[in-house]
PDB file of N, CA and C in Angstrom:
ATOM      1  N   MET A   1       1.232  -1.502   0.422  1.00  0.00           N
ATOM      2  CA  MET A   1      -0.001  -0.069   0.140  1.00  0.00           C
ATOM      3  C   MET A   1       1.046   1.358   0.019  1.00  0.00           C
ATOM      4  N   LYS A   2       1.946   0.876   0.649  1.00  0.00           N
ATOM      5  CA  LYS A   2       2.654   2.429   0.828  1.00  0.00           C
ATOM      6  C   LYS A   2       3.417   2.806  -0.517  1.00  0.00           C
ATOM      7  N   LYS A   3       3.808   1.593  -1.314  1.00  0.00           N
ATOM      8  CA  LYS A   3       4.401   1.615  -2.491  1.00  0.00           C
ATOM      9  C   LYS A   3       3.575   2.552  -3.832  1.00  0.00           C
ATOM     10  N   VAL A   4       2.289   1.955  -3.154  1.00  0.00           N
ATOM     11  CA  VAL A   4       0.985   2.433  -4.371  1.00  0.00           C
ATOM     12  C   VAL A   4       0.758   4.319  -3.873  1.00  0.00           C
ATOM     13  N   VAL A   5       0.903   4.606  -2.792  1.00  0.00           N
ATOM     14  CA  VAL A   5       0.786   5.733  -2.284  1.00  0.00           C
ATOM     15  C   VAL A   5       2.092   6.788  -2.993  1.00  0.00           C
ATOM     16  N   LEU A   6       3.264   5.954  -2.987  1.00  0.00           N
ATOM     17  CA  LEU A   6       3.918   6.867  -2.863  1.00  0.00           C
ATOM     18  C   LEU A   6       4.505   7.217  -4.723  1.00  0.00           C
ATOM     19  N   SER A   7       4.013   5.546  -5.115  1.00  0.00           N
ATOM     20  CA  SER A   7       3.741   6.258  -6.287  1.00  0.00           C
ATOM     21  C   SER A   7       2.424   6.983  -7.530  1.00  0.00           C
ATOM     22  N   ALA A   8       1.974   6.800  -6.207  1.00  0.00           N
ATOM     23  CA  ALA A   8       0.845   8.467  -6.996  1.00  0.00           C
ATOM     24  C   ALA A   8       1.553   9.554  -6.417  1.00  0.00           C
ATOM     25  N   VAL A   9       1.537  10.039  -5.400  1.00  0.00           N
ATOM     26  CA  VAL A   9       1.902  11.188  -4.914  1.00  0.00           C
ATOM     27  C   VAL A   9       3.248  11.670  -5.897  1.00  0.00           C
ATOM     28  N   VAL A  10       4.293  10.764  -6.459  1.00  0.00           N
ATOM     29  CA  VAL A  10       5.116  11.472  -7.353  1.00  0.00           C
ATOM     30  C   VAL A  10       4.655  11.321  -8.943  1.00  0.00           C
ATOM     31  N   ALA A  11       3.888  10.613  -9.781  1.00  0.00           N
ATOM     32  CA  ALA A  11       3.017  10.607 -10.618  1.00  0.00           C
ATOM     33  C   ALA A  11       2.343  12.553 -10.348  1.00  0.00           C
ATOM     34  N   LEU A  12       1.786  12.847  -9.722  1.00  0.00           N
ATOM     35  CA  LEU A  12       1.109  13.693  -8.968  1.00  0.00           C
ATOM     36  C   LEU A  12       2.219  15.097  -9.357  1.00  0.00           C
ATOM     37  N   LEU A  13       3.375  14.921  -8.766  1.00  0.00           N
ATOM     38  CA  LEU A  13       4.445  15.795  -8.786  1.00  0.00           C
ATOM     39  C   LEU A  13       5.128  16.186 -10.026  1.00  0.00           C
ATOM     40  N   SER A  14       5.137  15.274 -10.534  1.00  0.00           N
ATOM     41  CA  SER A  14       5.921  15.038 -11.791  1.00  0.00           C
ATOM     42  C   SER A  14       4.594  15.524 -13.127  1.00  0.00           C
ATOM     43  N   SER A  15       3.597  15.694 -12.717  1.00  0.00           N
ATOM     44  CA  SER A  15       2.782  15.613 -14.039  1.00  0.00           C
ATOM     45  C   SER A  15       2.660  17.207 -14.550  1.00  0.00           C
ATOM     46  N   PRO A  16       2.198  16.888 -15.987  1.00  0.00           N
ATOM     47  CA  PRO A  16       2.579  18.418 -16.832  1.00  0.00           C
ATOM     48  C   PRO A  16       1.514  19.556 -16.339  1.00  0.00           C
ATOM     49  N   ALA A  17       0.436  18.941 -15.800  1.00  0.00           N
ATOM     50  CA  ALA A  17      -0.638  19.983 -15.445  1.00  0.00           C
ATOM     51  C   ALA A  17      -0.017  20.729 -14.045  1.00  0.00           C
ATOM     52  N   TRP A  18       0.715  20.248 -13.627  1.00  0.00           N
ATOM     53  CA  TRP A  18       1.770  20.986 -12.564  1.00  0.00           C
ATOM     54  C   TRP A  18       2.472  22.381 -12.826  1.00  0.00           C
ATOM     55  N   ALA A  19       3.243  22.217 -14.361  1.00  0.00           N
ATOM     56  CA  ALA A  19       3.507  23.041 -14.944  1.00  0.00           C
ATOM     57  C   ALA A  19       2.514  24.191 -15.896  1.00  0.00           C
ATOM     58  N   GLY A  20       2.902  25.493 -15.077  1.00  0.00           N
ATOM     59  CA  GLY A  20       1.973  26.378 -15.341  1.00  0.00           C
ATOM     60  C   GLY A  20       2.340  27.357 -16.567  1.00  0.00           C
ATOM     61  N   SER A  21       3.460  27.349 -16.540  1.00  0.00           N
ATOM     62  CA  SER A  21       4.225  27.971 -18.039  1.00  0.00           C
ATOM     63  C   SER A  21       5.685  27.460 -17.954  1.00  0.00           C
ATOM     64  N   ALA A  22       6.130  27.871 -19.061  1.00  0.00           N
ATOM     65  CA  ALA A  22       7.133  27.279 -19.659  1.00  0.00           C
ATOM     66  C   ALA A  22       8.861  28.517 -18.784  1.00  0.00           C
ATOM     67  N   SER A  23       9.579  27.289 -17.960  1.00  0.00           N
ATOM     68  CA  SER A  23      10.215  27.935 -17.259  1.00  0.00           C
ATOM     69  C   SER A  23      12.141  27.626 -17.541  1.00  0.00           C
ATOM     70  N   ALA A  24      13.124  28.658 -17.909  1.00  0.00           N
ATOM     71  CA  ALA A  24      14.829  28.548 -17.868  1.00  0.00           C
ATOM     72  C   ALA A  24      14.754  27.430 -17.203  1.00  0.00           C
ATOM     73  N   VAL A  25      15.521  26.371 -17.433  1.00  0.00           N
ATOM     74  CA  VAL A  25      16.224  25.359 -16.298  1.00  0.00           C
ATOM     75  C   VAL A  25      17.957  25.720 -16.783  1.00  0.00           C
ATOM     76  N   PRO A  26      18.222  25.739 -15.756  1.00  0.00           N
ATOM     77  CA  PRO A  26      19.975  26.069 -15.946  1.00  0.00           C
ATOM     78  C   PRO A  26      20.175  25.155 -16.009  1.00  0.00           C
ATOM     79  N   GLU A  27      21.630  25.166 -16.897  1.00  0.00           N
ATOM     80  CA  GLU A  27      22.268  23.726 -16.778  1.00  0.00           C
ATOM     81  C   GLU A  27      23.379  23.421 -15.766  1.00  0.00           C
ATOM     82  N   MET A  28      23.432  22.098 -15.778  1.00  0.00           N
ATOM     83  CA  MET A  28      24.202  21.336 -14.740  1.00  0.00           C
ATOM     84  C   MET A  28      25.503  21.134 -14.977  1.00  0.00           C
ATOM     85  N   SER A  29      26.480  21.742 -14.381  1.00  0.00           N
ATOM     86  CA  SER A  29      28.137  21.043 -14.867  1.00  0.00           C
ATOM     87  C   SER A  29      27.452  20.079 -14.261  1.00  0.00           C
ATOM     88  N   ALA A  30      29.071  18.885 -14.632  1.00  0.00           N
ATOM     89  CA  ALA A  30      29.170  17.606 -14.883  1.00  0.00           C
ATOM     90  C   ALA A  30      29.641  17.163 -13.473  1.00  0.00           C
ATOM     91  N   GLY A  31      30.515  17.819 -12.817  1.00  0.00           N
ATOM     92  CA  GLY A  31      30.843  17.644 -11.213  1.00  0.00           C
ATOM     93  C   GLY A  31      29.133  17.705 -10.038  1.00  0.00           C
ATOM     94  N   ALA A  32      28.285  18.809 -11.061  1.00  0.00           N
ATOM     95  CA  ALA A  32      27.133  18.336 -10.008  1.00  0.00           C
ATOM     96  C   ALA A  32      26.021  16.872 -10.144  1.00  0.00           C
ATOM     97  N   GLY A  33      26.474  16.572 -12.122  1.00  0.00           N
ATOM     98  CA  GLY A  33      25.936  15.984 -12.113  1.00  0.00           C
ATOM     99  C   GLY A  33      26.643  14.398 -11.108  1.00  0.00           C
ATOM    100  N   VAL A  34      27.754  14.119 -11.598  1.00  0.00           N
ATOM    101  CA  VAL A  34      28.720  13.310 -10.879  1.00  0.00           C
ATOM    102  C   VAL A  34      28.380  12.999  -9.411  1.00  0.00           C
ATOM    103  N   ALA A  35      28.082  14.305  -8.526  1.00  0.00           N
ATOM    104  CA  ALA A  35      27.640  14.446  -7.104  1.00  0.00           C
ATOM    105  C   ALA A  35      25.981  13.564  -6.628  1.00  0.00           C
ATOM    106  N   ALA A  36      25.503  13.949  -7.766  1.00  0.00           N
ATOM    107  CA  ALA A  36      23.980  13.806  -7.504  1.00  0.00           C
ATOM    108  C   ALA A  36      23.695  12.302  -7.662  1.00  0.00           C
ATOM    109  N   ILE A  37      24.737  11.946  -8.927  1.00  0.00           N
ATOM    110  CA  ILE A  37      24.782  10.706  -9.441  1.00  0.00           C
ATOM    111  C   ILE A  37      24.969   9.537  -7.741  1.00  0.00           C
ATOM    112  N   ALA A  38      26.516  10.280  -7.197  1.00  0.00           N
ATOM    113  CA  ALA A  38      26.765   9.632  -6.582  1.00  0.00           C
ATOM    114  C   ALA A  38      25.842   9.478  -4.611  1.00  0.00           C
ATOM    115  N   LEU A  39      25.444  10.550  -4.359  1.00  0.00           N
ATOM    116  CA  LEU A  39      24.470  10.665  -3.611  1.00  0.00           C
ATOM    117  C   LEU A  39      23.166   9.627  -4.032  1.00  0.00           C
ATOM    118  N   LEU A  40      22.715   9.608  -4.884  1.00  0.00           N
ATOM    119  CA  LEU A  40      21.990   8.862  -4.844  1.00  0.00           C
ATOM    120  C   LEU A  40      21.918   6.922  -4.918  1.00  0.00           C
ATOM    121  N   VAL A  41      23.323   6.645  -5.331  1.00  0.00           N
ATOM    122  CA  VAL A  41      24.045   5.635  -5.072  1.00  0.00           C
ATOM    123  C   VAL A  41      24.310   5.310  -3.659  1.00  0.00           C
ATOM    124  N   GLY A  42      24.744   6.065  -3.170  1.00  0.00           N
ATOM    125  CA  GLY A  42      25.142   6.230  -2.194  1.00  0.00           C
ATOM    126  C   GLY A  42      23.587   5.679  -0.977  1.00  0.00           C
ATOM    127  N   ALA A  43      22.174   6.487  -1.165  1.00  0.00           N
ATOM    128  CA  ALA A  43      21.135   6.712  -0.485  1.00  0.00           C
ATOM    129  C   ALA A  43      20.744   5.082  -0.694  1.00  0.00           C
ATOM    130  N   ALA A  44      20.461   4.618  -1.874  1.00  0.00           N
ATOM    131  CA  ALA A  44      20.335   3.287  -2.359  1.00  0.00           C
ATOM    132  C   ALA A  44      20.600   2.019  -1.533  1.00  0.00           C
ATOM    133  N   ALA A  45      22.353   2.474  -1.225  1.00  0.00           N
ATOM    134  CA  ALA A  45      22.995   1.632  -0.707  1.00  0.00           C
ATOM    135  C   ALA A  45      22.637   1.405   0.983  1.00  0.00           C
ATOM    136  N   ILE A  46      22.212   2.289   1.473  1.00  0.00           N
ATOM    137  CA  ILE A  46      22.001   2.445   3.140  1.00  0.00           C
ATOM    138  C   ILE A  46      21.011   1.850   3.006  1.00  0.00           C
ATOM    139  N   ILE A  47      19.780   2.187   2.118  1.00  0.00           N
ATOM    140  CA  ILE A  47      18.398   1.493   2.088  1.00  0.00           C
ATOM    141  C   ILE A  47      18.484  -0.075   1.966  1.00  0.00           C
ATOM    142  N   ARG A  48      19.465  -0.609   0.997  1.00  0.00           N
ATOM    143  CA  ARG A  48      19.862  -2.252   0.900  1.00  0.00           C
ATOM    144  C   ARG A  48      20.050  -2.470   2.171  1.00  0.00           C
ATOM    145  N   GLU A  49      21.606  -1.600   2.855  1.00  0.00           N
ATOM    146  CA  GLU A  49      21.820  -2.433   4.044  1.00  0.00           C
ATOM    147  C   GLU A  49      20.817  -2.197   5.369  1.00  0.00           C
ATOM    148  N   ARG A  50      20.053  -1.590   5.276  1.00  0.00           N
ATOM    149  CA  ARG A  50      18.805  -1.119   6.461  1.00  0.00           C
ATOM    150  C   ARG A  50      17.546  -2.005   6.021  1.00  0.00           C
ATOM    151  N   ARG A  51      17.256  -3.203   5.332  1.00  0.00           N
ATOM    152  CA  ARG A  51      16.691  -3.640   4.770  1.00  0.00           C
ATOM    153  C   ARG A  51      17.085  -5.177   4.938  1.00  0.00           C
ATOM    154  N   LYS A  52      18.510  -5.252   4.960  1.00  0.00           N
ATOM    155  CA  LYS A  52      19.101  -6.521   5.464  1.00  0.00           C
ATOM    156  C   LYS A  52      18.639  -7.016   6.694  1.00  0.00           C
ATOM    157  N   LYS A  53      18.845  -6.074   7.656  1.00  0.00           N
ATOM    158  CA  LYS A  53      18.574  -6.239   9.078  1.00  0.00           C
ATOM    159  C   LYS A  53      17.482  -6.860   9.028  1.00  0.00           C
TER     160      LYS A  53
END
């Protein structure tokens, strides 16, 4: 049930209906992209370890 609710929240938040008007999206540097990926990988590793216990 929790997964269904979280999926619905993500679908609502990412819906194009929320986008009122087009806005400029700043470009992301390569370093920021690498940092974002490292953060996601680290968070996934922490979640995986907590589920094993």
